[in-house]
Amino acid sequence: MNKKKSIILIVFLIIIAITPLLVKNIGGYMKEQKELNDKYVEAVKETQELVSNYIIENFEGIKTVEWNGWSTPKGGGPFAINSSMTVNGYEDEDNGKVQLSYIVGHEYI
């Protein structure tokens, strides 16, 4: 074999040898990210439940709190959360469900 074919063969064998390692590392990273995201979602749900219970127990006339989702704003830091809720299923004739919105940022935690 000439030198060029030998180099191509060596490179090809190296690629074949490292492919399983790359696949394993990428799979591990993706699993780690999913677990981290699942923990974050669970923490937000637990916080919403605690807030709901606090509102119902400490404010007169409030019987239900319905959460309408949440998001993390860009530039809000790792602990910032935007969320909204509907209290006692309140609906407005013009707008439908009325959502009370709030933002919690890292400066409040």
N, C-alpha and C. Protein backbone atom coordinates (compact mmCIF):
# COMPACT_ATOMS: atom_id res chain seq x y z
N MET A 1 0.83 -1.18 0.00
CA MET A 1 0.00 0.00 0.00
C MET A 1 0.87 1.24 0.00
N ASN A 2 0.32 2.24 -0.62
CA ASN A 2 1.09 3.48 -0.58
C ASN A 2 0.75 4.25 0.70
N LYS A 3 1.47 5.29 0.93
CA LYS A 3 1.36 6.05 2.17
C LYS A 3 -0.03 6.69 2.32
N LYS A 4 -0.59 7.23 1.25
CA LYS A 4 -1.89 7.91 1.30
C LYS A 4 -3.00 6.93 1.70
N LYS A 5 -3.01 5.74 1.13
CA LYS A 5 -4.02 4.74 1.46
C LYS A 5 -3.86 4.29 2.91
N SER A 6 -2.65 4.18 3.38
CA SER A 6 -2.41 3.78 4.77
C SER A 6 -2.96 4.82 5.74
N ILE A 7 -2.74 6.07 5.45
CA ILE A 7 -3.23 7.15 6.31
C ILE A 7 -4.76 7.16 6.32
N ILE A 8 -5.37 7.01 5.16
CA ILE A 8 -6.84 6.96 5.08
C ILE A 8 -7.38 5.79 5.89
N LEU A 9 -6.76 4.64 5.78
CA LEU A 9 -7.18 3.46 6.52
C LEU A 9 -7.06 3.68 8.03
N ILE A 10 -5.96 4.28 8.46
CA ILE A 10 -5.75 4.55 9.90
C ILE A 10 -6.80 5.52 10.42
N VAL A 11 -7.06 6.59 9.67
CA VAL A 11 -8.08 7.57 10.07
C VAL A 11 -9.44 6.90 10.16
N PHE A 12 -9.77 6.08 9.18
CA PHE A 12 -11.04 5.36 9.16
C PHE A 12 -11.18 4.45 10.39
N LEU A 13 -10.11 3.73 10.73
CA LEU A 13 -10.14 2.85 11.90
C LEU A 13 -10.29 3.64 13.20
N ILE A 14 -9.64 4.78 13.27
CA ILE A 14 -9.76 5.64 14.46
C ILE A 14 -11.20 6.12 14.61
N ILE A 15 -11.80 6.55 13.49
CA ILE A 15 -13.19 7.01 13.54
C ILE A 15 -14.11 5.89 14.01
N ILE A 16 -13.91 4.69 13.49
CA ILE A 16 -14.73 3.55 13.90
C ILE A 16 -14.53 3.26 15.39
N ALA A 17 -13.31 3.41 15.87
CA ALA A 17 -13.00 3.11 17.27
C ALA A 17 -13.62 4.13 18.23
N ILE A 18 -13.65 5.41 17.87
CA ILE A 18 -14.14 6.43 18.80
C ILE A 18 -15.64 6.68 18.69
N THR A 19 -16.28 6.20 17.63
CA THR A 19 -17.72 6.44 17.46
C THR A 19 -18.54 5.94 18.66
N PRO A 20 -18.34 4.74 19.16
CA PRO A 20 -19.13 4.30 20.33
C PRO A 20 -18.93 5.20 21.55
N LEU A 21 -17.71 5.69 21.75
CA LEU A 21 -17.46 6.59 22.88
C LEU A 21 -18.22 7.89 22.72
N LEU A 22 -18.24 8.45 21.52
CA LEU A 22 -18.98 9.69 21.27
C LEU A 22 -20.47 9.49 21.50
N VAL A 23 -21.00 8.39 20.99
CA VAL A 23 -22.43 8.11 21.16
C VAL A 23 -22.77 7.97 22.64
N LYS A 24 -21.93 7.26 23.38
CA LYS A 24 -22.17 7.07 24.82
C LYS A 24 -22.13 8.40 25.56
N ASN A 25 -21.15 9.26 25.26
CA ASN A 25 -21.03 10.55 25.93
C ASN A 25 -22.20 11.47 25.59
N ILE A 26 -22.61 11.49 24.34
CA ILE A 26 -23.73 12.34 23.95
C ILE A 26 -25.01 11.85 24.62
N GLY A 27 -25.22 10.53 24.64
CA GLY A 27 -26.40 9.96 25.31
C GLY A 27 -26.41 10.28 26.79
N GLY A 28 -25.26 10.19 27.44
CA GLY A 28 -25.15 10.51 28.86
C GLY A 28 -25.45 11.97 29.14
N TYR A 29 -24.97 12.85 28.28
CA TYR A 29 -25.22 14.29 28.43
C TYR A 29 -26.71 14.58 28.29
N MET A 30 -27.35 13.96 27.29
CA MET A 30 -28.78 14.20 27.07
C MET A 30 -29.60 13.69 28.25
N LYS A 31 -29.23 12.54 28.81
CA LYS A 31 -29.93 12.00 29.97
C LYS A 31 -29.76 12.93 31.17
N GLU A 32 -28.56 13.44 31.36
CA GLU A 32 -28.28 14.37 32.45
C GLU A 32 -29.12 15.64 32.32
N GLN A 33 -29.23 16.17 31.10
CA GLN A 33 -30.02 17.38 30.87
C GLN A 33 -31.51 17.13 31.13
N LYS A 34 -32.01 15.96 30.73
CA LYS A 34 -33.41 15.62 30.98
C LYS A 34 -33.68 15.52 32.47
N GLU A 35 -32.78 14.87 33.21
CA GLU A 35 -32.94 14.74 34.66
C GLU A 35 -32.93 16.12 35.33
N LEU A 36 -32.04 17.00 34.89
CA LEU A 36 -31.97 18.35 35.43
C LEU A 36 -33.26 19.11 35.14
N ASN A 37 -33.77 18.99 33.92
CA ASN A 37 -35.02 19.66 33.55
C ASN A 37 -36.19 19.10 34.37
N ASP A 38 -36.24 17.79 34.57
CA ASP A 38 -37.31 17.17 35.36
C ASP A 38 -37.28 17.68 36.80
N LYS A 39 -36.09 17.83 37.38
CA LYS A 39 -35.97 18.36 38.74
C LYS A 39 -36.47 19.80 38.80
N TYR A 40 -36.14 20.59 37.79
CA TYR A 40 -36.56 21.99 37.74
C TYR A 40 -38.08 22.09 37.66
N VAL A 41 -38.68 21.28 36.78
CA VAL A 41 -40.14 21.28 36.63
C VAL A 41 -40.81 20.87 37.94
N GLU A 42 -40.28 19.84 38.58
CA GLU A 42 -40.84 19.39 39.85
C GLU A 42 -40.73 20.47 40.92
N ALA A 43 -39.62 21.18 40.96
CA ALA A 43 -39.45 22.26 41.94
C ALA A 43 -40.46 23.38 41.71
N VAL A 44 -40.72 23.72 40.45
CA VAL A 44 -41.71 24.75 40.15
C VAL A 44 -43.10 24.29 40.57
N LYS A 45 -43.45 23.04 40.28
CA LYS A 45 -44.76 22.51 40.69
C LYS A 45 -44.93 22.54 42.20
N GLU A 46 -43.89 22.14 42.92
CA GLU A 46 -43.95 22.16 44.38
C GLU A 46 -44.12 23.59 44.89
N THR A 47 -43.42 24.53 44.29
CA THR A 47 -43.53 25.93 44.69
C THR A 47 -44.93 26.46 44.42
N GLN A 48 -45.51 26.13 43.25
CA GLN A 48 -46.86 26.57 42.94
C GLN A 48 -47.87 25.99 43.93
N GLU A 49 -47.68 24.75 44.34
CA GLU A 49 -48.58 24.15 45.32
C GLU A 49 -48.47 24.86 46.67
N LEU A 50 -47.25 25.16 47.10
CA LEU A 50 -47.06 25.88 48.35
C LEU A 50 -47.69 27.28 48.30
N VAL A 51 -47.49 27.97 47.17
CA VAL A 51 -48.07 29.31 47.01
C VAL A 51 -49.59 29.22 47.01
N SER A 52 -50.14 28.25 46.30
CA SER A 52 -51.60 28.07 46.26
C SER A 52 -52.15 27.87 47.66
N ASN A 53 -51.54 26.97 48.42
CA ASN A 53 -52.00 26.72 49.78
C ASN A 53 -51.91 27.97 50.64
N TYR A 54 -50.84 28.72 50.50
CA TYR A 54 -50.66 29.94 51.28
C TYR A 54 -51.76 30.95 50.95
N ILE A 55 -52.03 31.15 49.65
CA ILE A 55 -53.05 32.11 49.23
C ILE A 55 -54.42 31.69 49.75
N ILE A 56 -54.78 30.41 49.60
CA ILE A 56 -56.09 29.93 50.03
C ILE A 56 -56.25 30.06 51.55
N GLU A 57 -55.20 29.76 52.29
CA GLU A 57 -55.28 29.80 53.74
C GLU A 57 -55.23 31.22 54.31
N ASN A 58 -54.62 32.17 53.60
CA ASN A 58 -54.37 33.48 54.19
C ASN A 58 -55.16 34.64 53.58
N PHE A 59 -55.92 34.39 52.53
CA PHE A 59 -56.70 35.46 51.93
C PHE A 59 -58.17 35.05 51.90
N GLU A 60 -58.98 35.93 52.42
CA GLU A 60 -60.41 35.65 52.55
C GLU A 60 -61.10 35.53 51.19
N GLY A 61 -61.95 34.53 51.06
CA GLY A 61 -62.77 34.39 49.86
C GLY A 61 -62.11 33.60 48.72
N ILE A 62 -60.86 33.24 48.87
CA ILE A 62 -60.20 32.49 47.79
C ILE A 62 -60.34 31.00 48.08
N LYS A 63 -60.95 30.31 47.11
CA LYS A 63 -61.19 28.87 47.26
C LYS A 63 -60.31 28.05 46.33
N THR A 64 -60.02 28.58 45.12
CA THR A 64 -59.23 27.82 44.16
C THR A 64 -58.20 28.72 43.49
N VAL A 65 -57.08 28.11 43.16
CA VAL A 65 -56.03 28.78 42.39
C VAL A 65 -55.67 27.83 41.25
N GLU A 66 -55.85 28.30 40.01
CA GLU A 66 -55.52 27.49 38.84
C GLU A 66 -54.30 28.10 38.16
N TRP A 67 -53.24 27.34 38.04
CA TRP A 67 -52.03 27.83 37.40
C TRP A 67 -52.15 27.71 35.89
N ASN A 68 -51.74 28.74 35.20
CA ASN A 68 -51.86 28.80 33.74
C ASN A 68 -50.51 28.66 33.05
N GLY A 69 -49.61 27.96 33.67
CA GLY A 69 -48.30 27.74 33.07
C GLY A 69 -47.24 28.65 33.65
N TRP A 70 -46.03 28.45 33.19
CA TRP A 70 -44.90 29.25 33.66
C TRP A 70 -43.81 29.21 32.60
N SER A 71 -42.91 30.16 32.69
CA SER A 71 -41.77 30.20 31.77
C SER A 71 -40.60 30.87 32.48
N THR A 72 -39.43 30.71 31.91
CA THR A 72 -38.25 31.39 32.43
C THR A 72 -37.87 32.47 31.43
N PRO A 73 -37.87 33.72 31.85
CA PRO A 73 -37.58 34.82 30.93
C PRO A 73 -36.11 34.89 30.55
N LYS A 74 -35.85 35.37 29.36
CA LYS A 74 -34.46 35.58 28.93
C LYS A 74 -33.87 36.72 29.74
N GLY A 75 -32.67 36.54 30.21
CA GLY A 75 -31.98 37.59 30.95
C GLY A 75 -32.45 37.74 32.38
N GLY A 76 -33.33 36.85 32.84
CA GLY A 76 -33.85 36.96 34.19
C GLY A 76 -33.03 36.24 35.23
N GLY A 77 -31.97 35.64 34.81
CA GLY A 77 -31.14 34.89 35.74
C GLY A 77 -31.65 33.47 35.86
N PRO A 78 -30.88 32.62 36.49
CA PRO A 78 -31.24 31.20 36.55
C PRO A 78 -32.45 30.91 37.43
N PHE A 79 -32.86 31.85 38.27
CA PHE A 79 -33.95 31.59 39.19
C PHE A 79 -35.21 32.39 38.88
N ALA A 80 -35.26 33.10 37.78
CA ALA A 80 -36.42 33.93 37.46
C ALA A 80 -37.53 33.07 36.86
N ILE A 81 -38.77 33.35 37.25
CA ILE A 81 -39.92 32.61 36.76
C ILE A 81 -41.05 33.59 36.47
N ASN A 82 -41.67 33.46 35.29
CA ASN A 82 -42.90 34.16 34.97
C ASN A 82 -44.04 33.17 35.11
N SER A 83 -45.13 33.56 35.72
CA SER A 83 -46.26 32.65 35.84
C SER A 83 -47.54 33.45 35.93
N SER A 84 -48.67 32.76 35.76
CA SER A 84 -49.96 33.40 35.95
C SER A 84 -50.93 32.40 36.53
N MET A 85 -51.97 32.93 37.18
CA MET A 85 -52.97 32.07 37.81
C MET A 85 -54.34 32.70 37.66
N THR A 86 -55.36 31.86 37.72
CA THR A 86 -56.74 32.32 37.76
C THR A 86 -57.27 31.95 39.15
N VAL A 87 -57.83 32.94 39.85
CA VAL A 87 -58.31 32.73 41.21
C VAL A 87 -59.83 32.56 41.19
N ASN A 88 -60.29 31.52 41.87
CA ASN A 88 -61.72 31.19 41.96
C ASN A 88 -62.39 31.07 40.60
N GLY A 89 -61.64 30.70 39.57
CA GLY A 89 -62.21 30.50 38.24
C GLY A 89 -62.80 31.76 37.64
N TYR A 90 -62.34 32.93 38.11
CA TYR A 90 -62.93 34.21 37.68
C TYR A 90 -62.80 34.42 36.18
N GLU A 91 -63.92 34.79 35.55
CA GLU A 91 -63.94 35.08 34.13
C GLU A 91 -64.56 36.44 33.89
N ASP A 92 -64.01 37.14 32.94
CA ASP A 92 -64.50 38.46 32.52
C ASP A 92 -65.33 38.26 31.25
N GLU A 93 -66.42 39.01 31.11
CA GLU A 93 -67.28 38.86 29.93
C GLU A 93 -66.53 39.12 28.62
N ASP A 94 -65.62 40.06 28.64
CA ASP A 94 -64.90 40.44 27.42
C ASP A 94 -63.66 39.58 27.17
N ASN A 95 -62.94 39.24 28.22
CA ASN A 95 -61.64 38.60 28.06
C ASN A 95 -61.60 37.13 28.47
N GLY A 96 -62.67 36.59 28.98
CA GLY A 96 -62.63 35.20 29.46
C GLY A 96 -61.93 35.12 30.80
N LYS A 97 -61.11 34.10 30.99
CA LYS A 97 -60.40 33.93 32.26
C LYS A 97 -59.48 35.11 32.52
N VAL A 98 -59.54 35.59 33.73
CA VAL A 98 -58.66 36.68 34.14
C VAL A 98 -57.45 36.05 34.82
N GLN A 99 -56.27 36.37 34.32
CA GLN A 99 -55.06 35.80 34.85
C GLN A 99 -54.29 36.84 35.65
N LEU A 100 -53.92 36.48 36.85
CA LEU A 100 -53.06 37.32 37.67
C LEU A 100 -51.63 36.87 37.39
N SER A 101 -50.80 37.76 36.88
CA SER A 101 -49.43 37.41 36.50
C SER A 101 -48.45 37.90 37.55
N TYR A 102 -47.35 37.20 37.66
CA TYR A 102 -46.27 37.65 38.53
C TYR A 102 -44.94 37.17 37.99
N ILE A 103 -43.92 37.85 38.41
CA ILE A 103 -42.55 37.48 38.04
C ILE A 103 -41.74 37.41 39.33
N VAL A 104 -41.06 36.31 39.52
CA VAL A 104 -40.15 36.16 40.65
C VAL A 104 -38.75 36.11 40.09
N GLY A 105 -37.91 37.00 40.53
CA GLY A 105 -36.52 37.01 40.06
C GLY A 105 -35.56 36.65 41.15
N HIS A 106 -34.33 36.44 40.76
CA HIS A 106 -33.32 36.00 41.73
C HIS A 106 -33.10 37.02 42.84
N GLU A 107 -33.44 38.30 42.62
CA GLU A 107 -33.24 39.28 43.69
C GLU A 107 -34.25 39.11 44.82
N TYR A 108 -35.34 38.36 44.58
CA TYR A 108 -36.35 38.15 45.60
C TYR A 108 -36.17 36.83 46.34
N ILE A 109 -35.29 36.00 45.84
CA ILE A 109 -35.14 34.66 46.44
C ILE A 109 -34.04 34.68 47.48
